[in-house]
N, C-alpha and C. Protein backbone atom coordinates (compact mmCIF):
# COMPACT_ATOMS: atom_id res chain seq x y z
N MET A 1 3.72 13.64 8.40
CA MET A 1 5.11 13.03 8.48
C MET A 1 5.18 12.23 9.99
N ALA A 2 6.05 11.38 9.88
CA ALA A 2 5.97 10.43 11.01
C ALA A 2 6.07 11.15 12.04
N ARG A 3 5.98 11.12 13.66
CA ARG A 3 5.79 11.45 14.70
C ARG A 3 7.15 10.89 15.14
N ALA A 4 7.68 11.73 16.27
CA ALA A 4 9.03 11.46 16.72
C ALA A 4 9.03 10.41 17.61
N GLY A 5 9.64 9.27 17.68
CA GLY A 5 9.95 8.20 18.71
C GLY A 5 9.02 7.00 17.82
N GLU A 6 8.59 7.31 16.62
CA GLU A 6 7.56 6.44 16.24
C GLU A 6 8.30 5.30 15.40
N GLU A 7 8.08 4.08 15.63
CA GLU A 7 8.98 2.82 14.80
C GLU A 7 8.09 2.82 13.62
N LEU A 8 8.70 2.70 12.39
CA LEU A 8 8.25 2.42 11.13
C LEU A 8 8.46 1.15 10.47
N ILE A 9 7.43 0.40 9.79
CA ILE A 9 8.10 -0.56 9.10
C ILE A 9 8.44 -0.48 7.85
N GLU A 10 10.01 -0.63 7.34
CA GLU A 10 10.34 -0.18 5.70
C GLU A 10 10.60 -1.51 4.96
N LYS A 11 9.61 -1.57 3.96
CA LYS A 11 9.77 -2.79 3.10
C LYS A 11 10.30 -2.47 1.60
N ILE A 12 11.13 -3.03 1.32
CA ILE A 12 11.55 -2.58 -0.13
C ILE A 12 11.08 -3.21 -1.21
N ILE A 13 10.36 -2.92 -2.23
CA ILE A 13 9.76 -3.77 -2.90
C ILE A 13 10.66 -4.18 -4.47
N GLN A 14 11.39 -2.97 -4.95
CA GLN A 14 12.04 -3.13 -5.92
C GLN A 14 13.41 -2.39 -5.89
N ILE A 15 14.29 -2.80 -6.43
CA ILE A 15 15.51 -2.32 -6.74
C ILE A 15 16.17 -2.31 -7.88
N SER A 16 16.27 -0.84 -9.14
CA SER A 16 16.32 -1.36 -10.41
C SER A 16 17.56 -0.47 -10.71
N ARG A 17 18.37 -0.97 -11.76
CA ARG A 17 19.26 -0.63 -12.38
C ARG A 17 18.92 0.14 -13.69
N VAL A 18 19.25 1.57 -13.51
CA VAL A 18 18.83 2.24 -14.77
C VAL A 18 20.16 3.07 -15.40
N THR A 19 19.79 2.94 -16.74
CA THR A 19 21.17 3.49 -17.55
C THR A 19 20.60 4.41 -18.31
N LYS A 20 21.45 5.54 -18.37
CA LYS A 20 21.18 6.73 -19.35
C LYS A 20 22.64 6.58 -20.28
N VAL A 21 21.91 6.52 -21.49
CA VAL A 21 23.30 6.22 -22.52
C VAL A 21 23.25 7.83 -23.05
N THR A 22 24.53 8.33 -23.01
CA THR A 22 25.06 9.59 -23.43
C THR A 22 25.93 9.57 -24.57
N LYS A 23 26.55 10.38 -25.05
CA LYS A 23 27.66 10.66 -25.94
C LYS A 23 28.98 9.95 -25.48
N GLY A 24 29.13 10.25 -24.09
CA GLY A 24 30.24 9.63 -23.45
C GLY A 24 30.25 8.26 -23.13
N GLY A 25 29.13 7.60 -23.33
CA GLY A 25 29.21 6.53 -22.35
C GLY A 25 27.70 6.00 -21.66
N LYS A 26 27.96 5.33 -20.90
CA LYS A 26 26.80 5.02 -20.24
C LYS A 26 26.46 5.51 -18.53
N ARG A 27 25.55 5.97 -18.15
CA ARG A 27 25.86 6.46 -16.98
C ARG A 27 24.61 5.73 -16.05
N LEU A 28 25.05 4.85 -15.23
CA LEU A 28 24.77 4.00 -14.18
C LEU A 28 23.79 4.37 -12.84
N ARG A 29 22.75 4.53 -12.60
CA ARG A 29 22.25 4.89 -11.38
C ARG A 29 21.26 3.78 -11.13
N PHE A 30 20.83 4.12 -9.81
CA PHE A 30 19.79 2.89 -9.20
C PHE A 30 18.38 3.75 -8.76
N ALA A 31 17.16 2.68 -8.63
CA ALA A 31 15.86 3.29 -8.44
C ALA A 31 15.43 2.15 -7.45
N ALA A 32 15.19 3.01 -6.37
CA ALA A 32 14.71 2.09 -4.98
C ALA A 32 12.87 2.35 -4.91
N LEU A 33 12.33 1.35 -5.00
CA LEU A 33 10.63 1.33 -4.63
C LEU A 33 10.43 1.01 -3.23
N VAL A 34 9.96 1.83 -2.45
CA VAL A 34 9.95 1.20 -1.08
C VAL A 34 8.46 1.75 -0.24
N VAL A 35 8.03 0.92 0.56
CA VAL A 35 6.64 1.13 1.43
C VAL A 35 7.15 1.32 2.68
N VAL A 36 6.57 2.31 3.22
CA VAL A 36 6.69 2.65 4.85
C VAL A 36 5.38 2.54 5.76
N GLY A 37 5.53 2.02 6.52
CA GLY A 37 4.29 2.08 7.54
C GLY A 37 4.39 1.86 8.98
N ASP A 38 3.49 2.25 9.62
CA ASP A 38 3.69 2.11 11.37
C ASP A 38 2.74 0.64 11.62
N GLY A 39 2.35 -0.09 11.05
CA GLY A 39 1.51 -0.93 11.35
C GLY A 39 0.33 -1.32 12.08
N LYS A 40 -0.13 0.08 12.05
CA LYS A 40 -1.67 0.66 13.03
C LYS A 40 -2.59 1.43 11.74
N GLY A 41 -2.39 1.46 10.57
CA GLY A 41 -3.22 1.75 9.56
C GLY A 41 -2.64 2.92 9.18
N ARG A 42 -1.57 3.18 9.02
CA ARG A 42 -0.69 4.56 8.17
C ARG A 42 0.28 3.75 7.09
N VAL A 43 0.22 4.30 6.02
CA VAL A 43 1.41 3.61 5.06
C VAL A 43 1.46 4.60 3.90
N GLY A 44 2.80 4.71 3.37
CA GLY A 44 3.08 5.60 2.42
C GLY A 44 4.17 4.94 1.66
N TYR A 45 4.24 5.24 0.03
CA TYR A 45 5.26 4.69 -0.94
C TYR A 45 6.33 5.78 -1.45
N GLY A 46 7.20 5.42 -1.64
CA GLY A 46 8.15 6.16 -2.38
C GLY A 46 9.19 5.63 -3.56
N LEU A 47 9.49 6.50 -4.50
CA LEU A 47 10.46 5.96 -5.22
C LEU A 47 12.04 7.02 -5.35
N GLY A 48 12.97 6.23 -4.97
CA GLY A 48 14.09 7.41 -5.04
C GLY A 48 15.17 6.69 -6.01
N LYS A 49 15.74 8.02 -6.58
CA LYS A 49 17.06 7.70 -7.33
C LYS A 49 18.27 8.22 -7.07
N ALA A 50 19.09 7.29 -7.13
CA ALA A 50 20.45 7.71 -7.14
C ALA A 50 21.96 7.03 -7.36
N PRO A 51 22.68 7.51 -7.73
CA PRO A 51 24.06 6.78 -7.84
C PRO A 51 24.24 5.33 -7.33
N GLU A 52 23.72 5.69 -5.92
CA GLU A 52 24.40 4.10 -5.16
C GLU A 52 22.72 3.79 -4.58
N VAL A 53 23.00 2.83 -4.37
CA VAL A 53 21.73 1.80 -3.62
C VAL A 53 21.40 2.47 -2.61
N PRO A 54 22.00 2.49 -1.48
CA PRO A 54 21.68 2.84 -0.09
C PRO A 54 21.00 4.48 -0.27
N ASP A 55 21.86 5.30 -1.13
CA ASP A 55 21.34 6.62 -1.34
C ASP A 55 19.96 6.51 -1.55
N ALA A 56 19.37 5.97 -2.71
CA ALA A 56 18.10 5.48 -3.65
C ALA A 56 17.14 5.37 -2.30
N ILE A 57 17.68 4.12 -1.63
CA ILE A 57 16.77 3.65 -0.70
C ILE A 57 16.33 4.95 0.57
N ARG A 58 17.45 5.22 1.01
CA ARG A 58 16.91 6.76 1.93
C ARG A 58 16.17 7.48 1.08
N LYS A 59 16.54 8.13 -0.13
CA LYS A 59 15.37 8.95 -0.73
C LYS A 59 14.21 8.43 -0.59
N ALA A 60 14.05 7.11 -1.39
CA ALA A 60 12.53 6.34 -1.46
C ALA A 60 11.87 6.62 0.11
N ILE A 61 12.79 6.26 1.18
CA ILE A 61 12.09 6.16 2.45
C ILE A 61 11.39 7.82 3.14
N GLU A 62 12.42 8.39 2.83
CA GLU A 62 11.96 10.13 3.01
C GLU A 62 10.51 10.41 2.16
N LYS A 63 10.72 10.22 0.98
CA LYS A 63 9.26 10.35 0.07
C LYS A 63 8.00 9.47 0.61
N ALA A 64 8.62 8.30 0.99
CA ALA A 64 7.37 7.34 1.64
C ALA A 64 7.07 8.17 2.86
N LYS A 65 7.40 8.20 3.63
CA LYS A 65 7.07 9.25 4.94
C LYS A 65 6.38 10.40 4.76
N LYS A 66 6.59 11.31 3.60
CA LYS A 66 5.66 12.39 3.23
C LYS A 66 4.50 12.19 2.74
N SER A 67 4.55 10.78 1.91
CA SER A 67 3.02 10.64 1.36
C SER A 67 2.29 9.56 2.14
N MET A 68 2.39 9.48 3.20
CA MET A 68 1.58 8.46 4.20
C MET A 68 0.07 8.92 3.98
N ILE A 69 -0.63 7.72 4.08
CA ILE A 69 -2.09 7.87 3.99
C ILE A 69 -2.68 7.10 5.38
N LYS A 70 -3.91 7.46 5.96
CA LYS A 70 -4.36 6.64 6.68
C LYS A 70 -5.40 5.72 5.90
N VAL A 71 -5.08 4.43 6.15
CA VAL A 71 -6.22 3.12 6.31
C VAL A 71 -7.25 2.55 7.15
N PRO A 72 -8.45 2.64 6.84
CA PRO A 72 -9.35 1.92 7.86
C PRO A 72 -9.19 0.36 8.01
N VAL A 73 -8.48 0.02 9.17
CA VAL A 73 -8.44 -1.34 9.46
C VAL A 73 -9.50 -1.71 10.56
N VAL A 74 -10.20 -2.74 10.27
CA VAL A 74 -11.41 -3.44 11.19
C VAL A 74 -11.04 -4.81 11.48
N ARG A 75 -10.51 -4.82 12.86
CA ARG A 75 -10.33 -6.45 13.44
C ARG A 75 -9.26 -7.06 12.42
N GLY A 76 -8.13 -6.27 12.23
CA GLY A 76 -7.12 -7.15 11.10
C GLY A 76 -7.46 -6.92 9.65
N THR A 77 -8.60 -6.69 9.46
CA THR A 77 -8.67 -6.65 7.83
C THR A 77 -9.32 -5.26 7.18
N ILE A 78 -9.70 -5.50 6.15
CA ILE A 78 -10.20 -4.06 5.56
C ILE A 78 -11.75 -4.44 5.83
N PRO A 79 -12.40 -3.01 5.77
CA PRO A 79 -13.74 -2.86 5.95
C PRO A 79 -14.87 -3.74 4.84
N HIS A 80 -14.33 -3.47 3.67
CA HIS A 80 -15.27 -4.14 2.68
C HIS A 80 -14.28 -4.39 1.37
N SER A 81 -14.64 -5.10 0.42
CA SER A 81 -14.37 -5.56 -0.89
C SER A 81 -13.82 -4.21 -1.48
N ILE A 82 -12.90 -4.12 -2.55
CA ILE A 82 -12.64 -3.00 -3.32
C ILE A 82 -11.75 -3.42 -4.63
N GLN A 83 -12.05 -2.93 -5.71
CA GLN A 83 -11.35 -3.31 -6.93
C GLN A 83 -10.64 -1.53 -7.48
N SER A 84 -9.30 -1.86 -7.80
CA SER A 84 -9.14 -0.61 -8.39
C SER A 84 -7.68 -0.78 -9.37
N LYS A 85 -7.66 0.15 -10.36
CA LYS A 85 -6.95 -0.16 -11.51
C LYS A 85 -6.19 1.23 -11.73
N PHE A 86 -4.65 0.71 -12.14
CA PHE A 86 -3.93 2.07 -12.39
C PHE A 86 -3.17 1.51 -13.47
N GLY A 87 -2.95 1.86 -14.64
CA GLY A 87 -2.22 1.73 -15.97
C GLY A 87 -2.88 0.24 -16.17
N SER A 88 -2.34 -0.61 -16.56
CA SER A 88 -2.83 -1.90 -16.92
C SER A 88 -2.70 -2.81 -15.78
N SER A 89 -2.33 -2.35 -14.59
CA SER A 89 -2.47 -3.33 -13.27
C SER A 89 -3.90 -3.17 -12.50
N MET A 90 -4.41 -4.15 -12.47
CA MET A 90 -6.12 -4.36 -11.59
C MET A 90 -5.64 -4.83 -10.45
N ILE A 91 -6.25 -4.44 -8.98
CA ILE A 91 -5.91 -5.09 -7.58
C ILE A 91 -7.50 -5.16 -7.61
N LEU A 92 -7.76 -6.47 -6.59
CA LEU A 92 -8.67 -6.77 -5.99
C LEU A 92 -8.66 -7.43 -4.69
N LEU A 93 -9.00 -6.48 -3.70
CA LEU A 93 -9.03 -6.66 -2.24
C LEU A 93 -10.27 -7.12 -1.70
N LYS A 94 -9.97 -8.27 -0.66
CA LYS A 94 -11.13 -8.79 -0.03
C LYS A 94 -10.94 -8.77 1.40
N PRO A 95 -12.03 -8.45 2.29
CA PRO A 95 -11.79 -8.92 3.58
C PRO A 95 -11.86 -10.47 4.02
N ALA A 96 -11.23 -10.85 5.13
CA ALA A 96 -10.93 -12.12 5.14
C ALA A 96 -10.95 -12.50 7.01
N PRO A 97 -11.86 -13.64 7.38
CA PRO A 97 -12.02 -13.74 8.60
C PRO A 97 -10.29 -14.26 9.22
N ALA A 98 -10.58 -13.81 10.52
CA ALA A 98 -9.43 -14.11 11.59
C ALA A 98 -8.71 -15.37 11.13
N GLY A 99 -7.62 -15.31 11.14
CA GLY A 99 -6.77 -16.60 11.19
C GLY A 99 -6.43 -16.76 9.48
N THR A 100 -6.87 -16.05 8.55
CA THR A 100 -6.72 -16.32 7.41
C THR A 100 -5.27 -15.81 6.63
N GLY A 101 -4.75 -14.97 7.38
CA GLY A 101 -3.33 -14.49 6.76
C GLY A 101 -3.48 -13.22 5.49
N VAL A 102 -2.31 -13.19 5.30
CA VAL A 102 -2.28 -12.27 4.03
C VAL A 102 -2.08 -13.34 2.98
N ILE A 103 -3.08 -13.24 2.13
CA ILE A 103 -3.14 -13.88 0.81
C ILE A 103 -2.66 -12.86 -0.16
N ALA A 104 -1.67 -12.69 -0.70
CA ALA A 104 -0.99 -11.72 -1.38
C ALA A 104 0.46 -12.08 -2.08
N GLY A 105 0.59 -11.51 -3.21
CA GLY A 105 1.98 -11.49 -3.99
C GLY A 105 2.99 -10.58 -3.30
N GLY A 106 4.36 -10.45 -3.55
CA GLY A 106 5.24 -9.92 -2.95
C GLY A 106 5.06 -8.61 -2.90
N THR A 107 4.44 -8.01 -3.84
CA THR A 107 4.59 -6.42 -4.04
C THR A 107 3.04 -5.93 -2.98
N VAL A 108 2.28 -6.46 -3.08
CA VAL A 108 0.79 -6.19 -2.40
C VAL A 108 1.16 -6.71 -0.71
N ARG A 109 2.08 -8.00 -0.79
CA ARG A 109 2.12 -8.38 0.74
C ARG A 109 2.95 -7.24 1.39
N ALA A 110 3.79 -6.86 1.08
CA ALA A 110 4.78 -5.80 1.66
C ALA A 110 3.94 -4.57 2.18
N ILE A 111 2.87 -4.10 1.26
CA ILE A 111 2.05 -3.03 1.66
C ILE A 111 1.12 -3.56 2.72
N MET A 112 0.31 -4.73 2.43
CA MET A 112 -0.33 -5.00 3.75
C MET A 112 0.32 -5.28 5.16
N ASP A 113 1.67 -5.74 4.94
CA ASP A 113 2.20 -5.76 6.50
C ASP A 113 2.64 -4.43 6.98
N ALA A 114 3.30 -3.41 5.88
CA ALA A 114 3.22 -2.00 6.29
C ALA A 114 2.28 -1.49 7.50
N VAL A 115 0.91 -1.81 6.61
CA VAL A 115 -0.37 -0.99 6.79
C VAL A 115 -0.79 -1.68 8.62
N GLY A 116 -0.34 -3.04 8.52
CA GLY A 116 -0.69 -3.63 9.59
C GLY A 116 -1.98 -4.47 9.65
N ILE A 117 -2.51 -4.82 8.53
CA ILE A 117 -3.38 -5.77 7.93
C ILE A 117 -3.07 -7.16 8.35
N THR A 118 -3.57 -8.06 8.97
CA THR A 118 -2.86 -9.24 9.08
C THR A 118 -4.03 -10.22 8.38
N ASP A 119 -5.27 -10.09 8.05
CA ASP A 119 -5.85 -11.10 7.35
C ASP A 119 -6.68 -10.39 6.05
N VAL A 120 -6.48 -10.66 5.07
CA VAL A 120 -7.02 -10.23 3.51
C VAL A 120 -6.47 -11.04 2.42
N VAL A 121 -7.64 -10.99 1.57
CA VAL A 121 -7.25 -12.26 0.42
C VAL A 121 -7.30 -10.93 -0.82
N THR A 122 -6.08 -10.98 -1.72
CA THR A 122 -5.74 -9.93 -2.94
C THR A 122 -5.75 -10.92 -4.06
N LYS A 123 -5.98 -10.23 -5.13
CA LYS A 123 -5.65 -10.93 -6.37
C LYS A 123 -5.05 -9.45 -7.58
N ALA A 124 -3.73 -9.62 -8.31
CA ALA A 124 -3.55 -9.00 -9.18
C ALA A 124 -4.01 -9.36 -10.07
N LEU A 125 -4.69 -8.71 -11.13
CA LEU A 125 -5.17 -8.80 -12.51
C LEU A 125 -4.32 -8.06 -13.32
N GLY A 126 -4.18 -8.60 -14.72
CA GLY A 126 -3.25 -7.95 -15.37
C GLY A 126 -1.91 -7.73 -15.49
N SER A 127 -1.55 -6.59 -15.51
CA SER A 127 0.18 -6.41 -15.18
C SER A 127 0.62 -6.54 -13.80
N THR A 128 1.58 -7.39 -13.62
CA THR A 128 2.44 -7.05 -12.27
C THR A 128 3.37 -6.14 -12.09
N ASN A 129 3.37 -5.35 -12.94
CA ASN A 129 4.65 -4.29 -12.83
C ASN A 129 4.56 -3.69 -11.26
N PRO A 130 5.54 -3.68 -10.68
CA PRO A 130 5.71 -3.39 -9.41
C PRO A 130 5.25 -1.84 -8.88
N HIS A 131 5.61 -0.80 -9.86
CA HIS A 131 5.29 0.34 -9.85
C HIS A 131 3.48 0.82 -10.07
N ASN A 132 3.10 0.11 -10.95
CA ASN A 132 1.72 -0.06 -11.08
C ASN A 132 0.89 -0.69 -10.08
N LEU A 133 1.19 -1.66 -10.00
CA LEU A 133 0.61 -2.45 -8.91
C LEU A 133 0.51 -1.73 -7.25
N VAL A 134 1.65 -1.12 -7.05
CA VAL A 134 1.55 -0.22 -5.69
C VAL A 134 0.57 0.95 -5.94
N LYS A 135 0.49 1.65 -7.17
CA LYS A 135 -0.10 3.05 -7.17
C LYS A 135 -1.66 2.25 -7.43
N ALA A 136 -2.08 0.88 -7.82
CA ALA A 136 -3.51 0.79 -7.78
C ALA A 136 -3.73 0.32 -6.41
N THR A 137 -2.96 -0.56 -5.50
CA THR A 137 -3.32 -0.72 -4.37
C THR A 137 -3.38 0.30 -3.32
N PHE A 138 -2.62 1.59 -3.54
CA PHE A 138 -2.87 2.50 -3.02
C PHE A 138 -4.07 3.21 -3.25
N LYS A 139 -4.42 3.52 -4.49
CA LYS A 139 -5.59 3.96 -5.08
C LYS A 139 -7.00 3.14 -4.35
N ALA A 140 -6.65 1.87 -4.05
CA ALA A 140 -7.81 0.74 -3.54
C ALA A 140 -7.90 1.53 -1.96
N LEU A 141 -6.61 1.42 -1.40
CA LEU A 141 -6.83 1.87 0.02
C LEU A 141 -7.37 3.21 0.49
N THR A 142 -7.30 4.17 -0.67
CA THR A 142 -7.85 5.48 -0.02
C THR A 142 -9.29 5.65 -0.33
N GLN A 143 -9.50 4.82 -1.37
CA GLN A 143 -11.10 4.41 -1.45
C GLN A 143 -11.99 3.83 -0.41
N LEU A 144 -11.11 3.17 0.43
CA LEU A 144 -11.99 2.26 1.35
C LEU A 144 -12.50 3.65 2.51
N GLN A 145 -13.76 2.81 2.92
CA GLN A 145 -14.37 3.74 3.90
C GLN A 145 -14.65 3.10 5.10
N ASP A 146 -14.60 3.77 6.31
CA ASP A 146 -14.66 3.08 7.64
C ASP A 146 -15.99 3.25 7.58
N ILE A 147 -16.64 2.27 8.47
CA ILE A 147 -17.88 1.82 9.09
C ILE A 147 -18.74 3.28 9.53
N GLU A 148 -17.86 3.81 10.64
CA GLU A 148 -18.53 5.20 11.07
C GLU A 148 -18.79 6.21 10.41
N TYR A 149 -17.90 6.25 9.16
CA TYR A 149 -18.17 7.54 8.14
C TYR A 149 -19.15 6.97 7.06
N VAL A 150 -19.56 6.01 7.21
CA VAL A 150 -20.73 5.27 6.25
C VAL A 150 -21.82 5.21 6.95
N ALA A 151 -21.95 5.33 8.17
CA ALA A 151 -22.94 5.58 8.90
C ALA A 151 -23.48 6.70 9.19
N LYS A 152 -22.49 7.47 9.10
CA LYS A 152 -22.97 9.13 9.70
C LYS A 152 -23.51 9.73 8.09
N LYS A 153 -22.72 9.28 7.11
CA LYS A 153 -23.11 9.69 5.93
C LYS A 153 -24.68 9.11 5.53
N ARG A 154 -24.95 7.93 6.02
CA ARG A 154 -26.61 7.75 5.51
C ARG A 154 -27.29 8.16 6.56
N GLY A 155 -27.04 8.87 7.84
CA GLY A 155 -27.86 9.16 8.73
C GLY A 155 -28.57 7.68 9.60
N LYS A 156 -27.67 6.84 9.43
CA LYS A 156 -28.11 5.51 10.41
C LYS A 156 -27.05 5.10 11.44
N THR A 157 -27.19 4.44 12.31
CA THR A 157 -26.39 3.70 13.28
C THR A 157 -25.63 2.73 12.73
N ILE A 158 -24.37 2.33 13.38
CA ILE A 158 -23.46 1.23 12.78
C ILE A 158 -24.37 -0.22 13.16
N SER A 159 -24.90 -0.31 13.78
CA SER A 159 -25.77 -1.40 14.23
C SER A 159 -26.76 -1.83 12.98
N GLU A 160 -27.38 -0.90 12.49
CA GLU A 160 -28.04 -0.78 11.46
C GLU A 160 -27.65 -1.17 10.09
N ILE A 161 -26.47 -0.82 9.89
CA ILE A 161 -25.36 -0.97 8.76
C ILE A 161 -24.95 -2.43 9.00
N LEU A 162 -24.62 -3.05 10.00
CA LEU A 162 -24.38 -4.08 10.22
C LEU A 162 -25.36 -5.29 9.81
N GLU A 163 -26.52 -4.71 10.39
CA GLU A 163 -27.74 -5.77 10.30
C GLU A 163 -27.98 -6.02 8.93
N ARG A 164 -27.77 -5.03 7.91
CA ARG A 164 -28.00 -5.20 6.71
C ARG A 164 -27.15 -6.18 5.93
N VAL A 165 -25.86 -5.77 6.21
CA VAL A 165 -25.01 -6.61 5.59
C VAL A 165 -24.84 -8.00 6.00
N ARG A 166 -25.66 -8.63 7.34
CA ARG A 166 -25.49 -9.96 7.55
C ARG A 166 -26.91 -10.43 6.84
N SER A 167 -27.88 -9.46 6.67
CA SER A 167 -28.85 -10.33 6.13
C SER A 167 -28.76 -10.60 4.62
């Protein structure tokens, strides 16, 4: 959950009109897909459905706050390249040097902005369905490993791992 007094970045990815056809006619509702982040490495997403758009957005934001994950951010980028797939959507995330900016489409860009990543190169392969793309991106972000964690796991120092990466 979000801490008190914490300013969160809220990005609406998609608002869709959904219709349920019943015997009495069509029942109109709205679905909102929203990403919420603190800009410091925490991000979550939520899907809210309601008869009115503002209610759907509010519900989505509440769900997003509850599903927040921690993402390792190293000097404004991700620690290593990663590829993830959800459904027929595949996402490729690559770290980028400072000054590159966020090279991503609308859906992935919203997530990167909410996390606080300023330099990254991404590529969406396969389907660009926003729901599947968000889930694939979150799957990739949860699989990222911080360099301190990797060093501890391998029983080495951070400088030893960085030395192997440079060579």
